[in-house]
Structure formats: structure tokens, C-alpha cells
Amino acid sequence: MKCPRCVQVIHRGAGACPHCGFGILEADERYGSGEVVIRRLEDQAGLMRSSEREKVEVAMDRFEKRFPQLFFAVYTSRTEGRSDVRQFGFWLLNRAAIQDVDLDRPNECGILLTIDPDAKSAGITWGYALDAYLTAEDTFLFLSRAHAYWVEGRYSEGIVRGLKQLSKVLTKRCRQAKFDSDRFERRVAPPLPKRKVADRIRAGHRKTVKKEEASK
């Protein structure tokens, strides 16, 4: 992976970046160490109307139907330029429980788009299960497809366009993996030694929902 701060290549299992020292503990200090529960489309910045959010959710559903192992999430926030979207996205994907994502799609299989309109920046973070299939260049293409729309304030259209580009890339990589599986298997990171906190939060959320349904 690339360090969210200095963008140097580091081993996924490293506790902190050997180049600049950045790690999840420092991110916790900056953004908080408590449990975070969000939805798959969390528009904290209020960039989209309800009809626009519905279009994005339809595109996200289409993406996840095509790639049932994965999920795509969007988080927007206004920080008045005080945040770095790369570092924040890294922290959020590691710490958040996304309540409307099935439990069989862990955060390791997630792709998170973060948008900060105040800083005029956006970034994409993905889980380690996608290390063999995505590159920084791929996510740059996503952002490039969306950029022209975002400049005009058409955030939903930009996200939908970007998702189409991302689907093309992943479809191509899946075909390549089918014919050269060894190359992709060597690049897949081993699973983490223990389940992440997000799985526990999401599991607890599902149990709560079931109890409420049973009482009804």
C-alpha cells in the first residue's frame, strides 16, 4: 500500500510508515478512537439532493451486484480545509461500521470515496483484499472521470461516471486474474490476524435490528 501521508510504498502489515511514521494510532489521535457507525452513502456536507442521492445509490447497487464480494461507500464532509482526505479515508475505512452493508462484505473488501468540498479534494481508499486488483492509477482515472462534474457542483453525476470507470477496470482485472491467477495470488495480502472492530459493530447492529423485528 501507499502511506496516506507521504505516499511512499510500504508493506500492508506495517504498524506505521517507516518513512514518515504515520499509522492508524496517529490517525486515531487526530480523528478519534471511538466506534463510528455510518451509512454507505453518508453526505455530511449536503452536496446532493435526495433525488441525486437515489441515483448514486442505484449506481452503487449496480456495482455491488456485478461484484458481490465488494461494496462501495461515499463519505462527504466540510472541514474548512483542515483535513487530508487520504489520511481521513484510511482511518474511516479501518474504523467505521457501515450499517447498510451486509456482514459478508467486510471493510477489507470495501472501496471508500471521500470528498471534502472546502478543501476541493477527493480521495479513494480500498481494503487490502483489493490490493491485487487496484492501483493508484486506477483510482486517478475514477477521479478524472468525475472531476469535470464536481467542478460544476454535479456531485452525483461525477460519482456515477466514476463508478462506471471503476467497473470497467475491475472487470478487466478479473479477466486477467482468470488467465494468470498465480500473478494475482502473489499480490493478495494475507488476512489480518484478528477481526476488525467494524465487524463487531456491524454484527451488534444486525442483532439489534433482529430483536426489534421480533418484537414487532
C-alpha atoms as a PDB file:
ATOM      1  CA  MET A   1       0.000   0.000   0.000  1.00  0.00           C
ATOM      2  CA  LYS A   2       0.972   3.646  -0.162  1.00  0.00           C
ATOM      3  CA  CYS A   3       1.276   5.668   3.010  1.00  0.00           C
ATOM      4  CA  PRO A   4      -1.682   8.077   3.244  1.00  0.00           C
ATOM      5  CA  ARG A   5       0.668  10.852   4.358  1.00  0.00           C
ATOM      6  CA  CYS A   6       3.955  10.639   2.391  1.00  0.00           C
ATOM      7  CA  VAL A   7       2.614   8.375  -0.417  1.00  0.00           C
ATOM      8  CA  GLN A   8       5.675   6.090  -0.182  1.00  0.00           C
ATOM      9  CA  VAL A   9       5.109   2.384  -0.799  1.00  0.00           C
ATOM     10  CA  ILE A  10       5.009   0.388   2.443  1.00  0.00           C
ATOM     11  CA  HIS A  11       4.072  -3.145   3.465  1.00  0.00           C
ATOM     12  CA  ARG A  12       0.377  -3.561   4.238  1.00  0.00           C
ATOM     13  CA  GLY A  13       1.178  -5.270   7.540  1.00  0.00           C
ATOM     14  CA  ALA A  14       3.432  -2.465   8.818  1.00  0.00           C
ATOM     15  CA  GLY A  15       2.239  -0.891  12.046  1.00  0.00           C
ATOM     16  CA  ALA A  16       3.443   2.524  10.893  1.00  0.00           C
ATOM     17  CA  CYS A  17       5.104   4.010   7.822  1.00  0.00           C
ATOM     18  CA  PRO A  18       8.906   3.532   8.055  1.00  0.00           C
ATOM     19  CA  HIS A  19       9.400   6.751   6.081  1.00  0.00           C
ATOM     20  CA  CYS A  20       7.273   9.291   7.997  1.00  0.00           C
ATOM     21  CA  GLY A  21       5.935   7.330  10.983  1.00  0.00           C
ATOM     22  CA  PHE A  22       2.238   7.723  10.141  1.00  0.00           C
ATOM     23  CA  GLY A  23      -0.049   4.887  11.285  1.00  0.00           C
ATOM     24  CA  ILE A  24      -3.553   4.062  12.460  1.00  0.00           C
ATOM     25  CA  LEU A  25      -2.753   5.091  16.060  1.00  0.00           C
ATOM     26  CA  GLU A  26      -1.808   8.600  14.937  1.00  0.00           C
ATOM     27  CA  ALA A  27      -4.970   8.715  12.832  1.00  0.00           C
ATOM     28  CA  ASP A  28      -6.958   7.725  15.939  1.00  0.00           C
ATOM     29  CA  GLU A  29      -5.450  10.645  17.817  1.00  0.00           C
ATOM     30  CA  ARG A  30      -6.481  13.021  15.065  1.00  0.00           C
ATOM     31  CA  TYR A  31      -9.941  11.724  14.181  1.00  0.00           C
ATOM     32  CA  GLY A  32     -10.948   9.769  17.299  1.00  0.00           C
ATOM     33  CA  SER A  33     -10.651   6.212  18.550  1.00  0.00           C
ATOM     34  CA  GLY A  34     -14.324   5.579  19.261  1.00  0.00           C
ATOM     35  CA  GLU A  35     -16.630   3.381  17.243  1.00  0.00           C
ATOM     36  CA  VAL A  36     -18.009   5.058  14.121  1.00  0.00           C
ATOM     37  CA  VAL A  37     -21.281   3.991  12.527  1.00  0.00           C
ATOM     38  CA  ILE A  38     -22.154   5.410   9.124  1.00  0.00           C
ATOM     39  CA  ARG A  39     -24.283   4.562   6.124  1.00  0.00           C
ATOM     40  CA  ARG A  40     -22.987   3.500   2.725  1.00  0.00           C
ATOM     41  CA  LEU A  41     -23.808   6.953   1.362  1.00  0.00           C
ATOM     42  CA  GLU A  42     -23.050   9.498   4.062  1.00  0.00           C
ATOM     43  CA  ASP A  43     -23.455  13.023   2.670  1.00  0.00           C
ATOM     44  CA  GLN A  44     -22.474  15.053   5.722  1.00  0.00           C
ATOM     45  CA  ALA A  45     -21.555  18.026   3.522  1.00  0.00           C
ATOM     46  CA  GLY A  46     -25.028  18.162   1.961  1.00  0.00           C
ATOM     47  CA  LEU A  47     -23.725  18.081  -1.600  1.00  0.00           C
ATOM     48  CA  MET A  48     -26.658  16.158  -3.093  1.00  0.00           C
ATOM     49  CA  ARG A  49     -30.430  16.412  -3.074  1.00  0.00           C
ATOM     50  CA  SER A  50     -32.489  13.341  -2.214  1.00  0.00           C
ATOM     51  CA  SER A  51     -33.144  12.563  -5.888  1.00  0.00           C
ATOM     52  CA  GLU A  52     -29.413  12.780  -6.602  1.00  0.00           C
ATOM     53  CA  ARG A  53     -28.579  10.505  -3.689  1.00  0.00           C
ATOM     54  CA  GLU A  54     -31.043   7.970  -5.045  1.00  0.00           C
ATOM     55  CA  LYS A  55     -29.196   7.961  -8.390  1.00  0.00           C
ATOM     56  CA  VAL A  56     -25.914   7.329  -6.621  1.00  0.00           C
ATOM     57  CA  GLU A  57     -27.412   4.513  -4.565  1.00  0.00           C
ATOM     58  CA  VAL A  58     -28.767   2.878  -7.735  1.00  0.00           C
ATOM     59  CA  ALA A  59     -25.277   3.038  -9.265  1.00  0.00           C
ATOM     60  CA  MET A  60     -23.778   1.591  -6.078  1.00  0.00           C
ATOM     61  CA  ASP A  61     -26.322  -1.249  -6.114  1.00  0.00           C
ATOM     62  CA  ARG A  62     -25.458  -1.967  -9.746  1.00  0.00           C
ATOM     63  CA  PHE A  63     -21.751  -2.039  -8.916  1.00  0.00           C
ATOM     64  CA  GLU A  64     -22.228  -4.395  -5.964  1.00  0.00           C
ATOM     65  CA  LYS A  65     -24.484  -6.694  -7.982  1.00  0.00           C
ATOM     66  CA  ARG A  66     -21.722  -7.013 -10.551  1.00  0.00           C
ATOM     67  CA  PHE A  67     -19.079  -7.537  -7.858  1.00  0.00           C
ATOM     68  CA  PRO A  68     -20.904  -9.306  -4.995  1.00  0.00           C
ATOM     69  CA  GLN A  69     -17.743  -9.640  -2.893  1.00  0.00           C
ATOM     70  CA  LEU A  70     -17.264  -5.869  -2.706  1.00  0.00           C
ATOM     71  CA  PHE A  71     -19.018  -2.710  -1.588  1.00  0.00           C
ATOM     72  CA  PHE A  72     -18.639   0.959  -2.485  1.00  0.00           C
ATOM     73  CA  ALA A  73     -19.193   3.755   0.011  1.00  0.00           C
ATOM     74  CA  VAL A  74     -19.188   7.553  -0.160  1.00  0.00           C
ATOM     75  CA  TYR A  75     -18.494   9.989   2.668  1.00  0.00           C
ATOM     76  CA  THR A  76     -18.621  13.771   2.234  1.00  0.00           C
ATOM     77  CA  SER A  77     -17.766  16.334   4.900  1.00  0.00           C
ATOM     78  CA  ARG A  78     -16.939  20.012   5.278  1.00  0.00           C
ATOM     79  CA  THR A  79     -13.749  20.540   7.249  1.00  0.00           C
ATOM     80  CA  GLU A  80     -12.807  24.046   6.050  1.00  0.00           C
ATOM     81  CA  GLY A  81      -9.606  22.597   4.648  1.00  0.00           C
ATOM     82  CA  ARG A  82      -8.429  21.183   7.991  1.00  0.00           C
ATOM     83  CA  SER A  83      -8.405  17.536   6.908  1.00  0.00           C
ATOM     84  CA  ASP A  84      -6.420  15.394   4.489  1.00  0.00           C
ATOM     85  CA  VAL A  85      -8.759  13.117   2.538  1.00  0.00           C
ATOM     86  CA  ARG A  86      -6.135  10.377   2.141  1.00  0.00           C
ATOM     87  CA  GLN A  87      -5.441  10.139   5.852  1.00  0.00           C
ATOM     88  CA  PHE A  88      -9.102  10.524   6.780  1.00  0.00           C
ATOM     89  CA  GLY A  89     -10.205   7.883   4.252  1.00  0.00           C
ATOM     90  CA  PHE A  90      -7.588   5.451   5.580  1.00  0.00           C
ATOM     91  CA  TRP A  91      -8.825   5.975   9.136  1.00  0.00           C
ATOM     92  CA  LEU A  92     -12.519   5.776   8.240  1.00  0.00           C
ATOM     93  CA  LEU A  93     -12.252   2.530   6.278  1.00  0.00           C
ATOM     94  CA  ASN A  94     -10.330   0.981   9.172  1.00  0.00           C
ATOM     95  CA  ARG A  95     -12.641   2.221  11.925  1.00  0.00           C
ATOM     96  CA  ALA A  96     -16.153   2.642  10.524  1.00  0.00           C
ATOM     97  CA  ALA A  97     -19.008   0.173  10.649  1.00  0.00           C
ATOM     98  CA  ILE A  98     -21.193   0.696   7.589  1.00  0.00           C
ATOM     99  CA  GLN A  99     -24.617  -0.288   8.803  1.00  0.00           C
ATOM    100  CA  ASP A 100     -26.348  -0.903   5.456  1.00  0.00           C
ATOM    101  CA  VAL A 101     -23.635  -3.226   4.109  1.00  0.00           C
ATOM    102  CA  ASP A 102     -24.062  -6.990   4.505  1.00  0.00           C
ATOM    103  CA  LEU A 103     -21.818  -8.691   7.057  1.00  0.00           C
ATOM    104  CA  ASP A 104     -20.377 -10.963   4.371  1.00  0.00           C
ATOM    105  CA  ARG A 105     -18.758  -7.867   2.812  1.00  0.00           C
ATOM    106  CA  PRO A 106     -16.135  -6.796   5.379  1.00  0.00           C
ATOM    107  CA  ASN A 107     -14.297  -3.479   5.212  1.00  0.00           C
ATOM    108  CA  GLU A 108     -11.310  -5.318   3.735  1.00  0.00           C
ATOM    109  CA  CYS A 109     -13.456  -5.662   0.594  1.00  0.00           C
ATOM    110  CA  GLY A 110     -14.605  -2.055   0.589  1.00  0.00           C
ATOM    111  CA  ILE A 111     -13.865   0.934  -1.613  1.00  0.00           C
ATOM    112  CA  LEU A 112     -14.393   4.318   0.051  1.00  0.00           C
ATOM    113  CA  LEU A 113     -14.689   7.651  -1.727  1.00  0.00           C
ATOM    114  CA  THR A 114     -14.178  10.702   0.496  1.00  0.00           C
ATOM    115  CA  ILE A 115     -14.986  14.218  -0.707  1.00  0.00           C
ATOM    116  CA  ASP A 116     -14.107  17.477   1.055  1.00  0.00           C
ATOM    117  CA  PRO A 117     -15.610  20.410  -0.910  1.00  0.00           C
ATOM    118  CA  ASP A 118     -13.979  23.002   1.338  1.00  0.00           C
ATOM    119  CA  ALA A 119     -10.520  21.642   0.576  1.00  0.00           C
ATOM    120  CA  LYS A 120     -11.594  20.965  -3.036  1.00  0.00           C
ATOM    121  CA  SER A 121     -10.204  17.469  -2.761  1.00  0.00           C
ATOM    122  CA  ALA A 122     -11.323  13.860  -3.023  1.00  0.00           C
ATOM    123  CA  GLY A 123      -9.651  10.529  -2.462  1.00  0.00           C
ATOM    124  CA  ILE A 124     -10.268   6.803  -2.754  1.00  0.00           C
ATOM    125  CA  THR A 125      -9.231   4.189  -0.203  1.00  0.00           C
ATOM    126  CA  TRP A 126      -9.665   0.439  -0.660  1.00  0.00           C
ATOM    127  CA  GLY A 127      -9.347  -2.593   1.608  1.00  0.00           C
ATOM    128  CA  TYR A 128      -6.391  -4.980   1.444  1.00  0.00           C
ATOM    129  CA  ALA A 129      -8.436  -7.616  -0.409  1.00  0.00           C
ATOM    130  CA  LEU A 130      -8.304  -5.328  -3.440  1.00  0.00           C
ATOM    131  CA  ASP A 131      -4.547  -4.726  -3.385  1.00  0.00           C
ATOM    132  CA  ALA A 132      -4.049  -7.152  -6.282  1.00  0.00           C
ATOM    133  CA  TYR A 133      -6.744  -5.567  -8.413  1.00  0.00           C
ATOM    134  CA  LEU A 134      -6.486  -1.804  -7.966  1.00  0.00           C
ATOM    135  CA  THR A 135      -3.682   0.719  -8.327  1.00  0.00           C
ATOM    136  CA  ALA A 136      -3.323   4.423  -7.643  1.00  0.00           C
ATOM    137  CA  GLU A 137      -3.545   4.968 -11.395  1.00  0.00           C
ATOM    138  CA  ASP A 138      -6.943   3.238 -11.479  1.00  0.00           C
ATOM    139  CA  THR A 139      -8.350   5.479  -8.786  1.00  0.00           C
ATOM    140  CA  PHE A 140      -6.857   8.517 -10.526  1.00  0.00           C
ATOM    141  CA  LEU A 141      -8.912   7.579 -13.611  1.00  0.00           C
ATOM    142  CA  PHE A 142     -12.025   7.402 -11.409  1.00  0.00           C
ATOM    143  CA  LEU A 143     -11.376  10.883 -10.048  1.00  0.00           C
ATOM    144  CA  SER A 144     -10.536  12.215 -13.503  1.00  0.00           C
ATOM    145  CA  ARG A 145     -13.872  11.000 -14.884  1.00  0.00           C
ATOM    146  CA  ALA A 146     -15.702  12.660 -12.011  1.00  0.00           C
ATOM    147  CA  HIS A 147     -13.699  15.883 -11.754  1.00  0.00           C
ATOM    148  CA  ALA A 148     -15.399  17.865 -14.528  1.00  0.00           C
ATOM    149  CA  TYR A 149     -18.818  17.220 -12.974  1.00  0.00           C
ATOM    150  CA  TRP A 150     -17.673  18.055  -9.455  1.00  0.00           C
ATOM    151  CA  VAL A 151     -16.245  21.399 -10.573  1.00  0.00           C
ATOM    152  CA  GLU A 152     -19.775  22.297 -11.697  1.00  0.00           C
ATOM    153  CA  GLY A 153     -21.293  21.046  -8.439  1.00  0.00           C
ATOM    154  CA  ARG A 154     -22.803  17.945 -10.080  1.00  0.00           C
ATOM    155  CA  TYR A 155     -21.503  15.524  -7.477  1.00  0.00           C
ATOM    156  CA  SER A 156     -23.930  12.681  -8.086  1.00  0.00           C
ATOM    157  CA  GLU A 157     -23.187  12.585 -11.817  1.00  0.00           C
ATOM    158  CA  GLY A 158     -19.468  12.556 -11.131  1.00  0.00           C
ATOM    159  CA  ILE A 159     -19.783   9.626  -8.734  1.00  0.00           C
ATOM    160  CA  VAL A 160     -21.903   7.651 -11.204  1.00  0.00           C
ATOM    161  CA  ARG A 161     -19.390   8.296 -14.012  1.00  0.00           C
ATOM    162  CA  GLY A 162     -16.534   7.274 -11.760  1.00  0.00           C
ATOM    163  CA  LEU A 163     -18.280   4.054 -10.776  1.00  0.00           C
ATOM    164  CA  LYS A 164     -18.679   3.108 -14.427  1.00  0.00           C
ATOM    165  CA  GLN A 165     -14.954   3.598 -14.934  1.00  0.00           C
ATOM    166  CA  LEU A 166     -14.173   1.558 -11.822  1.00  0.00           C
ATOM    167  CA  SER A 167     -16.403  -1.283 -13.030  1.00  0.00           C
ATOM    168  CA  LYS A 168     -14.518  -1.403 -16.324  1.00  0.00           C
ATOM    169  CA  VAL A 169     -11.180  -1.606 -14.529  1.00  0.00           C
ATOM    170  CA  LEU A 170     -12.245  -4.371 -12.153  1.00  0.00           C
ATOM    171  CA  THR A 171     -13.872  -6.363 -14.967  1.00  0.00           C
ATOM    172  CA  LYS A 172     -10.593  -6.206 -16.889  1.00  0.00           C
ATOM    173  CA  ARG A 173      -8.577  -7.277 -13.840  1.00  0.00           C
ATOM    174  CA  CYS A 174     -10.932 -10.188 -13.182  1.00  0.00           C
ATOM    175  CA  ARG A 175     -10.360 -11.437 -16.715  1.00  0.00           C
ATOM    176  CA  GLN A 176      -6.612 -11.088 -16.294  1.00  0.00           C
ATOM    177  CA  ALA A 177      -6.732 -12.994 -12.998  1.00  0.00           C
ATOM    178  CA  LYS A 178      -8.649 -15.809 -14.676  1.00  0.00           C
ATOM    179  CA  PHE A 179      -5.805 -16.389 -17.148  1.00  0.00           C
ATOM    180  CA  ASP A 180      -2.896 -15.548 -14.828  1.00  0.00           C
ATOM    181  CA  SER A 181      -4.099 -16.438 -11.358  1.00  0.00           C
ATOM    182  CA  ASP A 182      -0.610 -17.008  -9.936  1.00  0.00           C
ATOM    183  CA  ARG A 183       0.427 -13.388 -10.541  1.00  0.00           C
ATOM    184  CA  PHE A 184      -2.630 -12.061  -8.738  1.00  0.00           C
ATOM    185  CA  GLU A 185      -2.437 -14.556  -5.867  1.00  0.00           C
ATOM    186  CA  ARG A 186       1.122 -13.443  -5.100  1.00  0.00           C
ATOM    187  CA  ARG A 187      -0.095  -9.875  -4.731  1.00  0.00           C
ATOM    188  CA  VAL A 188      -3.025 -10.633  -2.420  1.00  0.00           C
ATOM    189  CA  ALA A 189      -2.224  -9.665   1.162  1.00  0.00           C
ATOM    190  CA  PRO A 190      -2.796 -12.281   3.885  1.00  0.00           C
ATOM    191  CA  PRO A 191      -5.839 -11.775   6.129  1.00  0.00           C
ATOM    192  CA  LEU A 192      -5.409  -9.769   9.288  1.00  0.00           C
ATOM    193  CA  PRO A 193      -4.665 -11.791  12.460  1.00  0.00           C
ATOM    194  CA  LYS A 194      -7.943 -10.740  14.088  1.00  0.00           C
ATOM    195  CA  ARG A 195     -11.292  -9.363  13.007  1.00  0.00           C
ATOM    196  CA  LYS A 196     -11.584  -5.620  12.826  1.00  0.00           C
ATOM    197  CA  VAL A 197     -13.740  -3.601  15.176  1.00  0.00           C
ATOM    198  CA  ALA A 198     -16.092  -2.780  12.290  1.00  0.00           C
ATOM    199  CA  ASP A 199     -17.229  -6.408  12.073  1.00  0.00           C
ATOM    200  CA  ARG A 200     -18.176  -6.396  15.761  1.00  0.00           C
ATOM    201  CA  ILE A 201     -20.123  -3.148  15.445  1.00  0.00           C
ATOM    202  CA  ARG A 202     -21.953  -4.328  12.360  1.00  0.00           C
ATOM    203  CA  ALA A 203     -22.748  -7.670  13.970  1.00  0.00           C
ATOM    204  CA  GLY A 204     -24.180  -5.889  17.004  1.00  0.00           C
ATOM    205  CA  HIS A 205     -26.207  -3.636  14.741  1.00  0.00           C
ATOM    206  CA  ARG A 206     -27.733  -6.630  12.959  1.00  0.00           C
ATOM    207  CA  LYS A 207     -28.641  -8.279  16.274  1.00  0.00           C
ATOM    208  CA  THR A 208     -30.403  -5.119  17.428  1.00  0.00           C
ATOM    209  CA  VAL A 209     -32.404  -4.979  14.222  1.00  0.00           C
ATOM    210  CA  LYS A 210     -33.461  -8.609  14.578  1.00  0.00           C
ATOM    211  CA  LYS A 211     -34.675  -8.023  18.142  1.00  0.00           C
ATOM    212  CA  GLU A 212     -36.749  -5.057  17.035  1.00  0.00           C
ATOM    213  CA  GLU A 213     -38.276  -7.075  14.198  1.00  0.00           C
ATOM    214  CA  ALA A 214     -39.060  -9.938  16.557  1.00  0.00           C
ATOM    215  CA  SER A 215     -40.811  -7.608  18.974  1.00  0.00           C
ATOM    216  CA  LYS A 216     -42.971  -6.291  16.138  1.00  0.00           C
END
